Amino acid sequence: YTINAPPTTHRGIEISLNTTLARGLMVSNADPQ
């Protein structure tokens, strides 16, 4: 069956974190970009 449930709560936290740990490890004399 698809049924109507009693009242429900949806609660959440969503986190995305991108971290550049290092730059220029092997290419040090190039354009900074």
PDB file of all heavy atoms in Angstrom:
ATOM      1  N   TYR A   1       0.831  -1.183   0.000  1.00  0.00           N
ATOM      2  CA  TYR A   1       0.000   0.000   0.000  1.00  0.00           C
ATOM      3  C   TYR A   1       0.874   1.245   0.000  1.00  0.00           C
ATOM      4  O   TYR A   1       1.958   1.245   0.577  1.00  0.00           O
ATOM      5  CB  TYR A   1      -0.871   0.064   1.261  1.00  0.00           C
ATOM      6  CG  TYR A   1      -2.044  -0.882   1.314  1.00  0.00           C
ATOM      7  CD1 TYR A   1      -1.885  -2.207   1.687  1.00  0.00           C
ATOM      8  CD2 TYR A   1      -3.319  -0.424   1.020  1.00  0.00           C
ATOM      9  CE1 TYR A   1      -2.959  -3.066   1.763  1.00  0.00           C
ATOM     10  CE2 TYR A   1      -4.414  -1.279   1.095  1.00  0.00           C
ATOM     11  CZ  TYR A   1      -4.227  -2.594   1.462  1.00  0.00           C
ATOM     12  OH  TYR A   1      -5.301  -3.438   1.541  1.00  0.00           O
ATOM     13  N   THR A   2       0.359   2.316  -0.600  1.00  0.00           N
ATOM     14  CA  THR A   2       0.877   3.650  -0.307  1.00  0.00           C
ATOM     15  C   THR A   2      -0.135   4.301   0.609  1.00  0.00           C
ATOM     16  O   THR A   2      -1.324   4.386   0.286  1.00  0.00           O
ATOM     17  CB  THR A   2       1.060   4.481  -1.574  1.00  0.00           C
ATOM     18  OG1 THR A   2       2.055   3.857  -2.388  1.00  0.00           O
ATOM     19  CG2 THR A   2       1.514   5.883  -1.237  1.00  0.00           C
ATOM     20  N   ILE A   3       0.312   4.742   1.757  1.00  0.00           N
ATOM     21  CA  ILE A   3      -0.580   5.227   2.795  1.00  0.00           C
ATOM     22  C   ILE A   3      -0.201   6.639   3.201  1.00  0.00           C
ATOM     23  O   ILE A   3       0.912   7.095   2.960  1.00  0.00           O
ATOM     24  CB  ILE A   3      -0.527   4.301   4.034  1.00  0.00           C
ATOM     25  CG1 ILE A   3       0.923   4.215   4.536  1.00  0.00           C
ATOM     26  CG2 ILE A   3      -1.080   2.919   3.718  1.00  0.00           C
ATOM     27  CD1 ILE A   3       1.089   3.511   5.843  1.00  0.00           C
ATOM     28  N   ASN A   4      -1.147   7.342   3.822  1.00  0.00           N
ATOM     29  CA  ASN A   4      -0.852   8.625   4.453  1.00  0.00           C
ATOM     30  C   ASN A   4      -0.378   8.365   5.871  1.00  0.00           C
ATOM     31  O   ASN A   4      -1.111   7.820   6.698  1.00  0.00           O
ATOM     32  CB  ASN A   4      -2.090   9.512   4.487  1.00  0.00           C
ATOM     33  CG  ASN A   4      -2.480  10.012   3.111  1.00  0.00           C
ATOM     34  OD1 ASN A   4      -3.552   9.711   2.593  1.00  0.00           O
ATOM     35  ND2 ASN A   4      -1.615  10.801   2.504  1.00  0.00           N
ATOM     36  N   ALA A   5       0.861   8.749   6.152  1.00  0.00           N
ATOM     37  CA  ALA A   5       1.426   8.546   7.477  1.00  0.00           C
ATOM     38  C   ALA A   5       0.893   9.613   8.432  1.00  0.00           C
ATOM     39  O   ALA A   5       0.366  10.645   8.011  1.00  0.00           O
ATOM     40  CB  ALA A   5       2.946   8.624   7.408  1.00  0.00           C
ATOM     41  N   PRO A   6       1.028   9.386   9.726  1.00  0.00           N
ATOM     42  CA  PRO A   6       0.757  10.462  10.684  1.00  0.00           C
ATOM     43  C   PRO A   6       1.753  11.595  10.473  1.00  0.00           C
ATOM     44  O   PRO A   6       2.705  11.445   9.698  1.00  0.00           O
ATOM     45  CB  PRO A   6       0.942   9.777  12.037  1.00  0.00           C
ATOM     46  CG  PRO A   6       1.811   8.599  11.762  1.00  0.00           C
ATOM     47  CD  PRO A   6       1.465   8.150  10.384  1.00  0.00           C
ATOM     48  N   PRO A   7       1.555  12.750  11.136  1.00  0.00           N
ATOM     49  CA  PRO A   7       2.489  13.867  10.935  1.00  0.00           C
ATOM     50  C   PRO A   7       3.946  13.440  11.110  1.00  0.00           C
ATOM     51  O   PRO A   7       4.284  12.679  12.012  1.00  0.00           O
ATOM     52  CB  PRO A   7       2.073  14.873  12.009  1.00  0.00           C
ATOM     53  CG  PRO A   7       0.626  14.582  12.244  1.00  0.00           C
ATOM     54  CD  PRO A   7       0.486  13.094  12.083  1.00  0.00           C
ATOM     55  N   THR A   8       4.804  13.931  10.212  1.00  0.00           N
ATOM     56  CA  THR A   8       6.228  13.596  10.254  1.00  0.00           C
ATOM     57  C   THR A   8       7.056  14.876  10.215  1.00  0.00           C
ATOM     58  O   THR A   8       6.572  15.941   9.815  1.00  0.00           O
ATOM     59  CB  THR A   8       6.636  12.700   9.065  1.00  0.00           C
ATOM     60  OG1 THR A   8       6.320  13.376   7.843  1.00  0.00           O
ATOM     61  CG2 THR A   8       5.912  11.375   9.103  1.00  0.00           C
ATOM     62  N   THR A   9       8.305  14.747  10.619  1.00  0.00           N
ATOM     63  CA  THR A   9       9.254  15.861  10.570  1.00  0.00           C
ATOM     64  C   THR A   9      10.481  15.426   9.787  1.00  0.00           C
ATOM     65  O   THR A   9      11.019  14.340  10.013  1.00  0.00           O
ATOM     66  CB  THR A   9       9.683  16.293  11.983  1.00  0.00           C
ATOM     67  OG1 THR A   9       8.546  16.781  12.692  1.00  0.00           O
ATOM     68  CG2 THR A   9      10.739  17.391  11.915  1.00  0.00           C
ATOM     69  N   HIS A  10      10.906  16.269   8.855  1.00  0.00           N
ATOM     70  CA  HIS A  10      12.159  16.073   8.126  1.00  0.00           C
ATOM     71  C   HIS A  10      13.093  17.210   8.531  1.00  0.00           C
ATOM     72  O   HIS A  10      12.788  18.382   8.298  1.00  0.00           O
ATOM     73  CB  HIS A  10      11.933  16.108   6.615  1.00  0.00           C
ATOM     74  CG  HIS A  10      11.218  14.918   6.075  1.00  0.00           C
ATOM     75  ND1 HIS A  10      11.713  14.159   5.038  1.00  0.00           N
ATOM     76  CD2 HIS A  10      10.050  14.332   6.414  1.00  0.00           C
ATOM     77  CE1 HIS A  10      10.871  13.174   4.765  1.00  0.00           C
ATOM     78  NE2 HIS A  10       9.841  13.271   5.590  1.00  0.00           N
ATOM     79  N   ARG A  11      14.216  16.862   9.108  1.00  0.00           N
ATOM     80  CA  ARG A  11      15.178  17.860   9.575  1.00  0.00           C
ATOM     81  C   ARG A  11      16.557  17.444   9.106  1.00  0.00           C
ATOM     82  O   ARG A  11      16.892  16.253   9.113  1.00  0.00           O
ATOM     83  CB  ARG A  11      15.141  17.945  11.097  1.00  0.00           C
ATOM     84  CG  ARG A  11      16.111  18.965  11.712  1.00  0.00           C
ATOM     85  CD  ARG A  11      16.097  18.847  13.233  1.00  0.00           C
ATOM     86  NE  ARG A  11      14.766  19.062  13.758  1.00  0.00           N
ATOM     87  CZ  ARG A  11      14.285  18.464  14.848  1.00  0.00           C
ATOM     88  NH1 ARG A  11      15.019  17.581  15.505  1.00  0.00           N
ATOM     89  NH2 ARG A  11      13.073  18.734  15.260  1.00  0.00           N
ATOM     90  N   GLY A  12      17.377  18.407   8.694  1.00  0.00           N
ATOM     91  CA  GLY A  12      18.688  18.005   8.210  1.00  0.00           C
ATOM     92  C   GLY A  12      19.674  19.142   8.079  1.00  0.00           C
ATOM     93  O   GLY A  12      19.318  20.320   8.065  1.00  0.00           O
ATOM     94  N   ILE A  13      20.932  18.744   7.981  1.00  0.00           N
ATOM     95  CA  ILE A  13      22.048  19.650   7.713  1.00  0.00           C
ATOM     96  C   ILE A  13      22.833  19.086   6.541  1.00  0.00           C
ATOM     97  O   ILE A  13      23.153  17.895   6.511  1.00  0.00           O
ATOM     98  CB  ILE A  13      22.969  19.788   8.943  1.00  0.00           C
ATOM     99  CG1 ILE A  13      22.237  20.489  10.092  1.00  0.00           C
ATOM    100  CG2 ILE A  13      24.236  20.562   8.588  1.00  0.00           C
ATOM    101  CD1 ILE A  13      23.040  20.529  11.376  1.00  0.00           C
ATOM    102  N   GLU A  14      23.144  19.950   5.579  1.00  0.00           N
ATOM    103  CA  GLU A  14      23.906  19.551   4.394  1.00  0.00           C
ATOM    104  C   GLU A  14      25.115  20.475   4.267  1.00  0.00           C
ATOM    105  O   GLU A  14      24.965  21.695   4.202  1.00  0.00           O
ATOM    106  CB  GLU A  14      23.032  19.652   3.142  1.00  0.00           C
ATOM    107  CG  GLU A  14      21.805  18.756   3.202  1.00  0.00           C
ATOM    108  CD  GLU A  14      20.707  19.173   2.245  1.00  0.00           C
ATOM    109  OE1 GLU A  14      20.762  20.300   1.710  1.00  0.00           O
ATOM    110  OE2 GLU A  14      19.774  18.364   2.061  1.00  0.00           O
ATOM    111  N   ILE A  15      26.297  19.877   4.248  1.00  0.00           N
ATOM    112  CA  ILE A  15      27.532  20.662   4.226  1.00  0.00           C
ATOM    113  C   ILE A  15      28.412  20.190   3.074  1.00  0.00           C
ATOM    114  O   ILE A  15      28.632  18.987   2.902  1.00  0.00           O
ATOM    115  CB  ILE A  15      28.312  20.528   5.544  1.00  0.00           C
ATOM    116  CG1 ILE A  15      27.462  20.994   6.730  1.00  0.00           C
ATOM    117  CG2 ILE A  15      29.611  21.335   5.488  1.00  0.00           C
ATOM    118  CD1 ILE A  15      28.106  20.740   8.074  1.00  0.00           C
ATOM    119  N   SER A  16      28.892  21.127   2.306  1.00  0.00           N
ATOM    120  CA  SER A  16      29.894  20.864   1.272  1.00  0.00           C
ATOM    121  C   SER A  16      31.085  21.769   1.558  1.00  0.00           C
ATOM    122  O   SER A  16      30.927  22.982   1.710  1.00  0.00           O
ATOM    123  CB  SER A  16      29.324  21.150  -0.119  1.00  0.00           C
ATOM    124  OG  SER A  16      30.345  21.110  -1.097  1.00  0.00           O
ATOM    125  N   LEU A  17      32.275  21.171   1.641  1.00  0.00           N
ATOM    126  CA  LEU A  17      33.488  21.946   1.942  1.00  0.00           C
ATOM    127  C   LEU A  17      34.614  21.470   1.036  1.00  0.00           C
ATOM    128  O   LEU A  17      35.026  20.311   1.099  1.00  0.00           O
ATOM    129  CB  LEU A  17      33.892  21.782   3.407  1.00  0.00           C
ATOM    130  CG  LEU A  17      35.183  22.496   3.837  1.00  0.00           C
ATOM    131  CD1 LEU A  17      35.044  24.001   3.663  1.00  0.00           C
ATOM    132  CD2 LEU A  17      35.541  22.140   5.271  1.00  0.00           C
ATOM    133  N   ASN A  18      35.091  22.367   0.195  1.00  0.00           N
ATOM    134  CA  ASN A  18      36.224  22.084  -0.683  1.00  0.00           C
ATOM    135  C   ASN A  18      37.419  22.898  -0.200  1.00  0.00           C
ATOM    136  O   ASN A  18      37.316  24.121  -0.056  1.00  0.00           O
ATOM    137  CB  ASN A  18      35.902  22.443  -2.134  1.00  0.00           C
ATOM    138  CG  ASN A  18      34.685  21.706  -2.653  1.00  0.00           C
ATOM    139  OD1 ASN A  18      34.361  20.617  -2.178  1.00  0.00           O
ATOM    140  ND2 ASN A  18      33.998  22.294  -3.612  1.00  0.00           N
ATOM    141  N   THR A  19      38.535  22.220   0.042  1.00  0.00           N
ATOM    142  CA  THR A  19      39.712  22.871   0.606  1.00  0.00           C
ATOM    143  C   THR A  19      40.919  22.624  -0.291  1.00  0.00           C
ATOM    144  O   THR A  19      41.255  21.466  -0.575  1.00  0.00           O
ATOM    145  CB  THR A  19      40.020  22.329   2.016  1.00  0.00           C
ATOM    146  OG1 THR A  19      38.852  22.433   2.825  1.00  0.00           O
ATOM    147  CG2 THR A  19      41.157  23.108   2.650  1.00  0.00           C
ATOM    148  N   THR A  20      41.541  23.684  -0.755  1.00  0.00           N
ATOM    149  CA  THR A  20      42.791  23.566  -1.512  1.00  0.00           C
ATOM    150  C   THR A  20      43.931  23.435  -0.512  1.00  0.00           C
ATOM    151  O   THR A  20      44.343  24.425   0.109  1.00  0.00           O
ATOM    152  CB  THR A  20      42.999  24.779  -2.423  1.00  0.00           C
ATOM    153  OG1 THR A  20      41.876  24.911  -3.302  1.00  0.00           O
ATOM    154  CG2 THR A  20      44.263  24.619  -3.251  1.00  0.00           C
ATOM    155  N   LEU A  21      44.425  22.225  -0.341  1.00  0.00           N
ATOM    156  CA  LEU A  21      45.447  21.965   0.665  1.00  0.00           C
ATOM    157  C   LEU A  21      46.811  22.493   0.250  1.00  0.00           C
ATOM    158  O   LEU A  21      47.614  22.896   1.092  1.00  0.00           O
ATOM    159  CB  LEU A  21      45.530  20.460   0.946  1.00  0.00           C
ATOM    160  CG  LEU A  21      44.247  19.799   1.458  1.00  0.00           C
ATOM    161  CD1 LEU A  21      44.453  18.300   1.616  1.00  0.00           C
ATOM    162  CD2 LEU A  21      43.813  20.413   2.783  1.00  0.00           C
ATOM    163  N   ALA A  22      47.081  22.476  -1.044  1.00  0.00           N
ATOM    164  CA  ALA A  22      48.398  22.933  -1.501  1.00  0.00           C
ATOM    165  C   ALA A  22      48.323  23.335  -2.965  1.00  0.00           C
ATOM    166  O   ALA A  22      47.520  22.807  -3.733  1.00  0.00           O
ATOM    167  CB  ALA A  22      49.437  21.829  -1.313  1.00  0.00           C
ATOM    168  N   ARG A  23      49.185  24.278  -3.338  1.00  0.00           N
ATOM    169  CA  ARG A  23      49.337  24.696  -4.731  1.00  0.00           C
ATOM    170  C   ARG A  23      50.820  24.732  -5.079  1.00  0.00           C
ATOM    171  O   ARG A  23      51.667  24.923  -4.214  1.00  0.00           O
ATOM    172  CB  ARG A  23      48.753  26.092  -4.952  1.00  0.00           C
ATOM    173  CG  ARG A  23      47.256  26.208  -4.845  1.00  0.00           C
ATOM    174  CD  ARG A  23      46.785  27.561  -5.367  1.00  0.00           C
ATOM    175  NE  ARG A  23      45.343  27.744  -5.238  1.00  0.00           N
ATOM    176  CZ  ARG A  23      44.770  28.455  -4.275  1.00  0.00           C
ATOM    177  NH1 ARG A  23      45.534  29.050  -3.361  1.00  0.00           N
ATOM    178  NH2 ARG A  23      43.465  28.591  -4.225  1.00  0.00           N
ATOM    179  N   GLY A  24      51.126  24.555  -6.359  1.00  0.00           N
ATOM    180  CA  GLY A  24      52.501  24.658  -6.821  1.00  0.00           C
ATOM    181  C   GLY A  24      53.411  23.575  -6.285  1.00  0.00           C
ATOM    182  O   GLY A  24      54.589  23.823  -6.030  1.00  0.00           O
ATOM    183  N   LEU A  25      52.882  22.355  -6.106  1.00  0.00           N
ATOM    184  CA  LEU A  25      53.706  21.264  -5.598  1.00  0.00           C
ATOM    185  C   LEU A  25      54.782  20.855  -6.600  1.00  0.00           C
ATOM    186  O   LEU A  25      55.923  20.572  -6.225  1.00  0.00           O
ATOM    187  CB  LEU A  25      52.826  20.060  -5.261  1.00  0.00           C
ATOM    188  CG  LEU A  25      51.830  20.257  -4.108  1.00  0.00           C
ATOM    189  CD1 LEU A  25      50.899  19.066  -4.010  1.00  0.00           C
ATOM    190  CD2 LEU A  25      52.578  20.452  -2.804  1.00  0.00           C
ATOM    191  N   MET A  26      54.432  20.790  -7.872  1.00  0.00           N
ATOM    192  CA  MET A  26      55.374  20.380  -8.903  1.00  0.00           C
ATOM    193  C   MET A  26      55.503  21.417 -10.020  1.00  0.00           C
ATOM    194  O   MET A  26      56.419  21.346 -10.829  1.00  0.00           O
ATOM    195  CB  MET A  26      54.942  19.034  -9.510  1.00  0.00           C
ATOM    196  CG  MET A  26      54.860  17.906  -8.483  1.00  0.00           C
ATOM    197  SD  MET A  26      54.248  16.353  -9.193  1.00  0.00           S
ATOM    198  CE  MET A  26      55.562  15.960 -10.339  1.00  0.00           C
ATOM    199  N   VAL A  27      54.558  22.356 -10.064  1.00  0.00           N
ATOM    200  CA  VAL A  27      54.584  23.411 -11.073  1.00  0.00           C
ATOM    201  C   VAL A  27      54.648  24.729 -10.322  1.00  0.00           C
ATOM    202  O   VAL A  27      53.635  25.276  -9.901  1.00  0.00           O
ATOM    203  CB  VAL A  27      53.333  23.356 -11.974  1.00  0.00           C
ATOM    204  CG1 VAL A  27      53.425  24.421 -13.069  1.00  0.00           C
ATOM    205  CG2 VAL A  27      53.170  21.969 -12.580  1.00  0.00           C
ATOM    206  N   SER A  28      55.852  25.248 -10.108  1.00  0.00           N
ATOM    207  CA  SER A  28      56.022  26.425  -9.252  1.00  0.00           C
ATOM    208  C   SER A  28      56.251  27.710 -10.011  1.00  0.00           C
ATOM    209  O   SER A  28      56.097  28.797  -9.459  1.00  0.00           O
ATOM    210  CB  SER A  28      57.188  26.198  -8.280  1.00  0.00           C
ATOM    211  OG  SER A  28      58.375  25.920  -9.007  1.00  0.00           O
ATOM    212  N   ASN A  29      56.629  27.637 -11.289  1.00  0.00           N
ATOM    213  CA  ASN A  29      56.970  28.851 -12.024  1.00  0.00           C
ATOM    214  C   ASN A  29      55.897  29.244 -13.035  1.00  0.00           C
ATOM    215  O   ASN A  29      56.111  30.110 -13.865  1.00  0.00           O
ATOM    216  CB  ASN A  29      58.301  28.660 -12.766  1.00  0.00           C
ATOM    217  CG  ASN A  29      59.452  28.430 -11.801  1.00  0.00           C
ATOM    218  OD1 ASN A  29      59.518  29.070 -10.752  1.00  0.00           O
ATOM    219  ND2 ASN A  29      60.356  27.528 -12.164  1.00  0.00           N
ATOM    220  N   ALA A  30      54.761  28.611 -12.950  1.00  0.00           N
ATOM    221  CA  ALA A  30      53.710  28.869 -13.924  1.00  0.00           C
ATOM    222  C   ALA A  30      52.851  30.056 -13.493  1.00  0.00           C
ATOM    223  O   ALA A  30      53.027  30.632 -12.423  1.00  0.00           O
ATOM    224  CB  ALA A  30      52.839  27.628 -14.089  1.00  0.00           C
ATOM    225  N   ASP A  31      51.916  30.404 -14.348  1.00  0.00           N
ATOM    226  CA  ASP A  31      50.919  31.417 -14.033  1.00  0.00           C
ATOM    227  C   ASP A  31      50.197  31.009 -12.749  1.00  0.00           C
ATOM    228  O   ASP A  31      49.799  29.854 -12.597  1.00  0.00           O
ATOM    229  CB  ASP A  31      49.932  31.487 -15.203  1.00  0.00           C
ATOM    230  CG  ASP A  31      48.850  32.538 -14.996  1.00  0.00           C
ATOM    231  OD1 ASP A  31      48.664  33.001 -13.864  1.00  0.00           O
ATOM    232  OD2 ASP A  31      48.197  32.883 -15.989  1.00  0.00           O
ATOM    233  N   PRO A  32      49.988  31.935 -11.776  1.00  0.00           N
ATOM    234  CA  PRO A  32      49.308  31.577 -10.526  1.00  0.00           C
ATOM    235  C   PRO A  32      47.940  30.941 -10.742  1.00  0.00           C
ATOM    236  O   PRO A  32      47.462  30.190  -9.887  1.00  0.00           O
ATOM    237  CB  PRO A  32      49.185  32.924  -9.797  1.00  0.00           C
ATOM    238  CG  PRO A  32      50.287  33.754 -10.350  1.00  0.00           C
ATOM    239  CD  PRO A  32      50.451  33.329 -11.780  1.00  0.00           C
ATOM    240  N   GLN A  33      47.294  31.243 -11.876  1.00  0.00           N
ATOM    241  CA  GLN A  33      46.003  30.643 -12.165  1.00  0.00           C
ATOM    242  C   GLN A  33      46.129  29.279 -12.839  1.00  0.00           C
ATOM    243  O   GLN A  33      45.119  28.654 -13.155  1.00  0.00           O
ATOM    244  CB  GLN A  33      45.191  31.581 -13.073  1.00  0.00           C
ATOM    245  CG  GLN A  33      44.946  32.958 -12.483  1.00  0.00           C
ATOM    246  CD  GLN A  33      44.150  32.906 -11.196  1.00  0.00           C
ATOM    247  OE1 GLN A  33      43.206  32.132 -11.073  1.00  0.00           O
ATOM    248  NE2 GLN A  33      44.540  33.716 -10.227  1.00  0.00           N
TER     249      GLN A  33
END
